[in-house]
Amino acid sequence: MNPFLGSTEIIDWQTPEVRQLAEELADKNRDVVVVAQRCFEWVRDQIKHSSDHQLNPVTCTASEVLAGGTGYCYAKSHLLAALLRANGLSAGLCYQRLSLDGIGHLYCLHGLNAVELPDLGWYRIDARGNRPDVDAQFTPPKEKLAFAIQIEGERDLPEIYAEPLPVVVEALRTNSTWDAVLANLPDA
C-alpha cells in the first residue's frame, strides 16, 4: 500500500468528520489540481494558526485540528494531508528549519506538505495561514511557501514523510497550551 495515502493515528482521514469535509471540498470534481487547491485553501484560511491567534487547544491529529479549528503549522499540515489522502491524492509532510530570531541564534522546524500532482510530481504547499508578512499560495508549478530560506543555518529539509517526525508529535502532545508549544518548538 502507498504510505502517502494511508490513514494513520495522526493523519486520521477515515474519521467521519474529516471524510465528510474532504468530500465537500472535492464536490465531485475529478480534477486533482482543483481538489488539491480547494483543500489547501480551506486549511490555510479556515483553521487558525495557534500562535498567531493565541488559541488553545493544542491539536495534533487531523480530526483534532478540524474539531478545534486551530493548530500550529505541524497540526495544520496533518489535516491537509488527511483531506488530500481522503480524496485519493498522495500527500506527505515536509519541514523547513527556520531561524526564530532572524539572526540564527535559535531555530525551529516549520511544517508543510507535499502533494503529488499529475505531470508535475511532488509539489510543496504551505497551509500555515497568511498574515501581512506571510503569503503562501497554490500556484503550480511554482512554489509559494510561507517562508523563504534566508540565513545560514536555515534549510529546506528535502525529505517527504508519510508520518510526522516524532519530535513534532512530542511537542504537540507534551505541551498543553499554545504558549507552551511556542516556548518549546521542535528543531531538527
C-alpha atoms as a PDB file:
ATOM      1  CA  MET A   1       0.000   0.000   0.000  1.00  0.00           C
ATOM      2  CA  ASN A   2       1.131   3.549  -0.719  1.00  0.00           C
ATOM      3  CA  PRO A   3       2.065   5.079   2.676  1.00  0.00           C
ATOM      4  CA  PHE A   4       1.224   8.551   1.326  1.00  0.00           C
ATOM      5  CA  LEU A   5      -2.441   7.512   1.030  1.00  0.00           C
ATOM      6  CA  GLY A   6      -2.812   5.764   4.380  1.00  0.00           C
ATOM      7  CA  SER A   7      -4.992   6.760   7.302  1.00  0.00           C
ATOM      8  CA  THR A   8      -2.943   6.679  10.494  1.00  0.00           C
ATOM      9  CA  GLU A   9      -3.185   7.687  14.130  1.00  0.00           C
ATOM     10  CA  ILE A  10      -2.173  11.288  13.257  1.00  0.00           C
ATOM     11  CA  ILE A  11      -3.341  11.566   9.625  1.00  0.00           C
ATOM     12  CA  ASP A  12      -6.717  10.083  10.571  1.00  0.00           C
ATOM     13  CA  TRP A  13      -8.622  10.772   7.365  1.00  0.00           C
ATOM     14  CA  GLN A  14     -11.059   7.921   7.881  1.00  0.00           C
ATOM     15  CA  THR A  15     -12.798   9.692  10.756  1.00  0.00           C
ATOM     16  CA  PRO A  16     -16.312  10.692   9.638  1.00  0.00           C
ATOM     17  CA  GLU A  17     -15.823  14.454  10.052  1.00  0.00           C
ATOM     18  CA  VAL A  18     -12.587  14.540   8.035  1.00  0.00           C
ATOM     19  CA  ARG A  19     -14.057  12.327   5.308  1.00  0.00           C
ATOM     20  CA  GLN A  20     -17.176  14.497   5.089  1.00  0.00           C
ATOM     21  CA  LEU A  21     -15.160  17.707   4.734  1.00  0.00           C
ATOM     22  CA  ALA A  22     -12.891  16.104   2.128  1.00  0.00           C
ATOM     23  CA  GLU A  23     -15.953  15.072   0.138  1.00  0.00           C
ATOM     24  CA  GLU A  24     -17.482  18.554   0.398  1.00  0.00           C
ATOM     25  CA  LEU A  25     -14.264  20.206  -0.742  1.00  0.00           C
ATOM     26  CA  ALA A  26     -13.920  17.882  -3.730  1.00  0.00           C
ATOM     27  CA  ASP A  27     -17.573  18.460  -4.644  1.00  0.00           C
ATOM     28  CA  LYS A  28     -17.426  15.540  -7.133  1.00  0.00           C
ATOM     29  CA  ASN A  29     -14.626  17.276  -9.034  1.00  0.00           C
ATOM     30  CA  ARG A  30     -12.286  14.886 -10.840  1.00  0.00           C
ATOM     31  CA  ASP A  31      -9.555  17.460 -11.485  1.00  0.00           C
ATOM     32  CA  VAL A  32      -6.974  16.606  -8.829  1.00  0.00           C
ATOM     33  CA  VAL A  33      -5.306  20.012  -9.088  1.00  0.00           C
ATOM     34  CA  VAL A  34      -8.610  21.747  -8.325  1.00  0.00           C
ATOM     35  CA  VAL A  35      -9.273  19.384  -5.413  1.00  0.00           C
ATOM     36  CA  ALA A  36      -5.764  19.917  -4.021  1.00  0.00           C
ATOM     37  CA  GLN A  37      -6.151  23.693  -4.236  1.00  0.00           C
ATOM     38  CA  ARG A  38      -9.539  23.630  -2.503  1.00  0.00           C
ATOM     39  CA  CYS A  39      -8.176  21.509   0.349  1.00  0.00           C
ATOM     40  CA  PHE A  40      -5.083  23.726   0.684  1.00  0.00           C
ATOM     41  CA  GLU A  41      -7.038  26.990   0.710  1.00  0.00           C
ATOM     42  CA  TRP A  42      -9.604  25.671   3.173  1.00  0.00           C
ATOM     43  CA  VAL A  43      -6.976  24.623   5.730  1.00  0.00           C
ATOM     44  CA  ARG A  44      -4.901  27.776   5.164  1.00  0.00           C
ATOM     45  CA  ASP A  45      -7.890  30.114   5.540  1.00  0.00           C
ATOM     46  CA  GLN A  46     -10.313  28.335   7.888  1.00  0.00           C
ATOM     47  CA  ILE A  47      -8.026  26.819  10.519  1.00  0.00           C
ATOM     48  CA  LYS A  48      -6.450  29.499  12.695  1.00  0.00           C
ATOM     49  CA  HIS A  49      -2.729  29.276  13.455  1.00  0.00           C
ATOM     50  CA  SER A  50      -2.493  28.681  17.210  1.00  0.00           C
ATOM     51  CA  SER A  51       0.332  31.122  17.870  1.00  0.00           C
ATOM     52  CA  ASP A  52      -0.880  33.888  15.556  1.00  0.00           C
ATOM     53  CA  HIS A  53      -4.291  33.852  17.251  1.00  0.00           C
ATOM     54  CA  GLN A  54      -3.109  32.716  20.715  1.00  0.00           C
ATOM     55  CA  LEU A  55      -5.591  29.859  20.716  1.00  0.00           C
ATOM     56  CA  ASN A  56      -5.998  26.597  22.569  1.00  0.00           C
ATOM     57  CA  PRO A  57      -6.448  23.678  22.469  1.00  0.00           C
ATOM     58  CA  VAL A  58      -3.127  22.305  21.247  1.00  0.00           C
ATOM     59  CA  THR A  59      -4.107  19.937  18.442  1.00  0.00           C
ATOM     60  CA  CYS A  60      -2.160  17.188  16.710  1.00  0.00           C
ATOM     61  CA  THR A  61      -4.309  14.735  14.761  1.00  0.00           C
ATOM     62  CA  ALA A  62      -6.235  15.811  11.686  1.00  0.00           C
ATOM     63  CA  SER A  63      -9.553  15.245  13.455  1.00  0.00           C
ATOM     64  CA  GLU A  64      -8.425  17.284  16.499  1.00  0.00           C
ATOM     65  CA  VAL A  65      -7.432  20.193  14.238  1.00  0.00           C
ATOM     66  CA  LEU A  66     -10.781  20.087  12.481  1.00  0.00           C
ATOM     67  CA  ALA A  67     -12.730  19.921  15.752  1.00  0.00           C
ATOM     68  CA  GLY A  68     -10.648  22.631  17.450  1.00  0.00           C
ATOM     69  CA  GLY A  69     -10.464  24.992  14.476  1.00  0.00           C
ATOM     70  CA  THR A  70      -6.853  25.755  15.342  1.00  0.00           C
ATOM     71  CA  GLY A  71      -3.391  24.282  15.066  1.00  0.00           C
ATOM     72  CA  TYR A  72       0.269  25.011  14.730  1.00  0.00           C
ATOM     73  CA  CYS A  73       1.767  24.638  11.242  1.00  0.00           C
ATOM     74  CA  TYR A  74       2.507  20.983  12.021  1.00  0.00           C
ATOM     75  CA  ALA A  75      -1.057  20.184  13.021  1.00  0.00           C
ATOM     76  CA  LYS A  76      -2.469  22.098  10.055  1.00  0.00           C
ATOM     77  CA  SER A  77      -0.221  20.033   7.780  1.00  0.00           C
ATOM     78  CA  HIS A  78      -1.665  16.871   9.359  1.00  0.00           C
ATOM     79  CA  LEU A  79      -5.204  17.989   8.489  1.00  0.00           C
ATOM     80  CA  LEU A  80      -4.232  18.983   4.952  1.00  0.00           C
ATOM     81  CA  ALA A  81      -2.540  15.616   4.380  1.00  0.00           C
ATOM     82  CA  ALA A  82      -5.687  13.884   5.659  1.00  0.00           C
ATOM     83  CA  LEU A  83      -8.016  15.849   3.368  1.00  0.00           C
ATOM     84  CA  LEU A  84      -5.807  15.205   0.353  1.00  0.00           C
ATOM     85  CA  ARG A  85      -5.466  11.489   1.138  1.00  0.00           C
ATOM     86  CA  ALA A  86      -9.209  11.157   1.709  1.00  0.00           C
ATOM     87  CA  ASN A  87      -9.598  12.407  -1.860  1.00  0.00           C
ATOM     88  CA  GLY A  88      -7.145   9.823  -3.180  1.00  0.00           C
ATOM     89  CA  LEU A  89      -4.180  12.197  -3.562  1.00  0.00           C
ATOM     90  CA  SER A  90      -0.761  11.117  -2.332  1.00  0.00           C
ATOM     91  CA  ALA A  91       0.234  13.614   0.351  1.00  0.00           C
ATOM     92  CA  GLY A  92       3.215  13.870   2.652  1.00  0.00           C
ATOM     93  CA  LEU A  93       4.747  16.055   5.304  1.00  0.00           C
ATOM     94  CA  CYS A  94       7.756  18.308   4.770  1.00  0.00           C
ATOM     95  CA  TYR A  95       9.799  20.520   7.035  1.00  0.00           C
ATOM     96  CA  GLN A  96      11.958  23.599   6.935  1.00  0.00           C
ATOM     97  CA  ARG A  97      14.468  24.592   9.586  1.00  0.00           C
ATOM     98  CA  LEU A  98      13.985  28.295  10.240  1.00  0.00           C
ATOM     99  CA  SER A  99      15.568  30.889  12.492  1.00  0.00           C
ATOM    100  CA  LEU A 100      13.282  32.028  15.287  1.00  0.00           C
ATOM    101  CA  ASP A 101      15.145  35.264  15.888  1.00  0.00           C
ATOM    102  CA  GLY A 102      16.143  36.152  12.312  1.00  0.00           C
ATOM    103  CA  ILE A 103      19.840  36.093  13.151  1.00  0.00           C
ATOM    104  CA  GLY A 104      20.484  32.398  13.650  1.00  0.00           C
ATOM    105  CA  HIS A 105      20.741  32.005  17.403  1.00  0.00           C
ATOM    106  CA  LEU A 106      17.527  29.963  17.770  1.00  0.00           C
ATOM    107  CA  TYR A 107      15.963  27.596  15.250  1.00  0.00           C
ATOM    108  CA  CYS A 108      12.816  25.525  14.922  1.00  0.00           C
ATOM    109  CA  LEU A 109      11.117  23.247  12.457  1.00  0.00           C
ATOM    110  CA  HIS A 110       8.276  24.547  10.303  1.00  0.00           C
ATOM    111  CA  GLY A 111       5.743  22.038   8.976  1.00  0.00           C
ATOM    112  CA  LEU A 112       4.260  21.997   5.487  1.00  0.00           C
ATOM    113  CA  ASN A 113       3.050  19.481   2.900  1.00  0.00           C
ATOM    114  CA  ALA A 114       3.805  17.956  -0.446  1.00  0.00           C
ATOM    115  CA  VAL A 115       1.110  16.638  -2.767  1.00  0.00           C
ATOM    116  CA  GLU A 116       1.716  14.533  -5.856  1.00  0.00           C
ATOM    117  CA  LEU A 117       0.220  16.249  -8.897  1.00  0.00           C
ATOM    118  CA  PRO A 118      -0.100  14.781 -12.398  1.00  0.00           C
ATOM    119  CA  ASP A 119       2.593  15.858 -14.871  1.00  0.00           C
ATOM    120  CA  LEU A 120       4.428  17.661 -12.051  1.00  0.00           C
ATOM    121  CA  GLY A 121       5.244  15.139  -9.337  1.00  0.00           C
ATOM    122  CA  TRP A 122       5.663  16.238  -5.738  1.00  0.00           C
ATOM    123  CA  TYR A 123       4.667  19.868  -5.174  1.00  0.00           C
ATOM    124  CA  ARG A 124       5.179  21.570  -1.798  1.00  0.00           C
ATOM    125  CA  ILE A 125       2.380  23.647  -0.278  1.00  0.00           C
ATOM    126  CA  ASP A 126       2.227  25.551   2.995  1.00  0.00           C
ATOM    127  CA  ALA A 127      -1.185  25.946   4.654  1.00  0.00           C
ATOM    128  CA  ARG A 128       0.289  27.646   7.745  1.00  0.00           C
ATOM    129  CA  GLY A 129      -2.018  30.627   7.366  1.00  0.00           C
ATOM    130  CA  ASN A 130      -1.368  34.001   5.839  1.00  0.00           C
ATOM    131  CA  ARG A 131      -0.818  37.292   7.643  1.00  0.00           C
ATOM    132  CA  PRO A 132       0.661  40.624   6.500  1.00  0.00           C
ATOM    133  CA  ASP A 133       4.195  39.176   6.291  1.00  0.00           C
ATOM    134  CA  VAL A 134       3.181  35.703   5.005  1.00  0.00           C
ATOM    135  CA  ASP A 135       1.587  34.996   1.621  1.00  0.00           C
ATOM    136  CA  ALA A 136       1.542  31.264   0.881  1.00  0.00           C
ATOM    137  CA  GLN A 137      -0.297  30.341  -2.315  1.00  0.00           C
ATOM    138  CA  PHE A 138      -1.144  27.348  -4.517  1.00  0.00           C
ATOM    139  CA  THR A 139       0.488  28.236  -7.848  1.00  0.00           C
ATOM    140  CA  PRO A 140       1.812  25.065  -9.539  1.00  0.00           C
ATOM    141  CA  PRO A 141       4.378  24.531 -10.845  1.00  0.00           C
ATOM    142  CA  LYS A 142       5.889  27.432  -8.859  1.00  0.00           C
ATOM    143  CA  GLU A 143       6.082  27.063  -5.085  1.00  0.00           C
ATOM    144  CA  LYS A 144       4.920  29.993  -2.965  1.00  0.00           C
ATOM    145  CA  LEU A 145       5.641  28.900   0.582  1.00  0.00           C
ATOM    146  CA  ALA A 146       5.130  30.911   3.757  1.00  0.00           C
ATOM    147  CA  PHE A 147       8.843  31.328   4.421  1.00  0.00           C
ATOM    148  CA  ALA A 148      11.961  31.538   2.260  1.00  0.00           C
ATOM    149  CA  ILE A 149      15.337  30.290   3.395  1.00  0.00           C
ATOM    150  CA  GLN A 150      17.273  33.474   4.138  1.00  0.00           C
ATOM    151  CA  ILE A 151      20.160  32.988   6.551  1.00  0.00           C
ATOM    152  CA  GLU A 152      22.888  30.478   7.283  1.00  0.00           C
ATOM    153  CA  GLY A 153      21.558  27.572   9.312  1.00  0.00           C
ATOM    154  CA  GLU A 154      18.115  27.690   7.745  1.00  0.00           C
ATOM    155  CA  ARG A 155      17.303  24.996   5.233  1.00  0.00           C
ATOM    156  CA  ASP A 156      14.631  23.109   3.376  1.00  0.00           C
ATOM    157  CA  LEU A 157      14.682  19.511   4.512  1.00  0.00           C
ATOM    158  CA  PRO A 158      14.401  17.542   1.256  1.00  0.00           C
ATOM    159  CA  GLU A 159      12.557  14.508   2.608  1.00  0.00           C
ATOM    160  CA  ILE A 160       8.845  13.881   2.208  1.00  0.00           C
ATOM    161  CA  TYR A 161       7.475  11.895   5.130  1.00  0.00           C
ATOM    162  CA  ALA A 162       4.346   9.758   5.272  1.00  0.00           C
ATOM    163  CA  GLU A 163       4.157  10.356   9.037  1.00  0.00           C
ATOM    164  CA  PRO A 164       5.112  13.375  11.170  1.00  0.00           C
ATOM    165  CA  LEU A 165       8.516  13.449  12.801  1.00  0.00           C
ATOM    166  CA  PRO A 166       8.408  12.082  16.377  1.00  0.00           C
ATOM    167  CA  VAL A 167       9.859  15.356  17.737  1.00  0.00           C
ATOM    168  CA  VAL A 168       6.868  17.216  16.265  1.00  0.00           C
ATOM    169  CA  VAL A 169       4.306  14.840  17.753  1.00  0.00           C
ATOM    170  CA  GLU A 170       6.097  15.025  21.111  1.00  0.00           C
ATOM    171  CA  ALA A 171       5.970  18.846  21.105  1.00  0.00           C
ATOM    172  CA  LEU A 172       2.246  18.808  20.356  1.00  0.00           C
ATOM    173  CA  ARG A 173       1.461  16.049  22.847  1.00  0.00           C
ATOM    174  CA  THR A 174       3.541  17.219  25.827  1.00  0.00           C
ATOM    175  CA  ASN A 175       2.648  20.920  25.806  1.00  0.00           C
ATOM    176  CA  SER A 176      -0.913  21.726  26.823  1.00  0.00           C
ATOM    177  CA  THR A 177      -1.190  25.388  25.778  1.00  0.00           C
ATOM    178  CA  TRP A 178      -0.332  27.368  22.649  1.00  0.00           C
ATOM    179  CA  ASP A 179       2.310  29.406  24.519  1.00  0.00           C
ATOM    180  CA  ALA A 180       3.926  26.272  25.977  1.00  0.00           C
ATOM    181  CA  VAL A 181       4.320  24.907  22.434  1.00  0.00           C
ATOM    182  CA  LEU A 182       5.753  28.256  21.329  1.00  0.00           C
ATOM    183  CA  ALA A 183       8.327  28.075  24.117  1.00  0.00           C
ATOM    184  CA  ASN A 184       9.262  24.507  23.128  1.00  0.00           C
ATOM    185  CA  LEU A 185       9.168  24.427  19.321  1.00  0.00           C
ATOM    186  CA  PRO A 186      10.967  21.365  17.950  1.00  0.00           C
ATOM    187  CA  ASP A 187      14.204  21.546  15.965  1.00  0.00           C
ATOM    188  CA  ALA A 188      15.970  19.020  13.764  1.00  0.00           C
END
